[in-house]
Amino acid sequence: MALIEPYFDTTLTLSTVQLLKAFETWTFD
């Protein structure tokens, strides 16, 4: 499990960043 948690955290962070960028593009486009 020790190897999975960092991977999950990284994936979750990247997904959040992508959502924020998409939201900004949709809002300010």
Protein backbone atom coordinates (compact mmCIF):
# COMPACT_ATOMS: atom_id res chain seq x y z
CA MET A 1 0.00 0.00 0.00
CA ALA A 2 2.94 2.32 0.60
CA LEU A 3 3.57 2.51 -3.13
CA ILE A 4 -0.05 3.10 -4.04
CA GLU A 5 -0.74 6.06 -1.76
CA PRO A 6 1.83 8.46 -3.29
CA TYR A 7 0.64 7.50 -6.76
CA PHE A 8 -2.96 8.17 -5.79
CA ASP A 9 -2.04 11.52 -4.22
CA THR A 10 -0.17 12.54 -7.37
CA THR A 11 -3.03 11.49 -9.62
CA LEU A 12 -5.56 13.29 -7.46
CA THR A 13 -3.45 16.46 -7.48
CA LEU A 14 -3.02 16.37 -11.26
CA SER A 15 -6.74 15.80 -11.73
CA THR A 16 -7.53 18.76 -9.47
CA VAL A 17 -5.12 21.00 -11.38
CA GLN A 18 -6.66 19.95 -14.69
CA LEU A 19 -10.14 20.67 -13.37
CA LEU A 20 -9.09 24.10 -12.13
CA LYS A 21 -7.51 24.94 -15.49
CA ALA A 22 -10.58 23.73 -17.35
CA PHE A 23 -12.84 25.74 -15.04
CA GLU A 24 -10.75 28.88 -15.53
CA THR A 25 -10.83 28.42 -19.29
CA TRP A 26 -14.60 27.91 -19.25
CA THR A 27 -15.19 30.87 -16.93
CA PHE A 28 -12.91 33.45 -18.50
CA ASP A 29 -13.03 32.37 -22.13
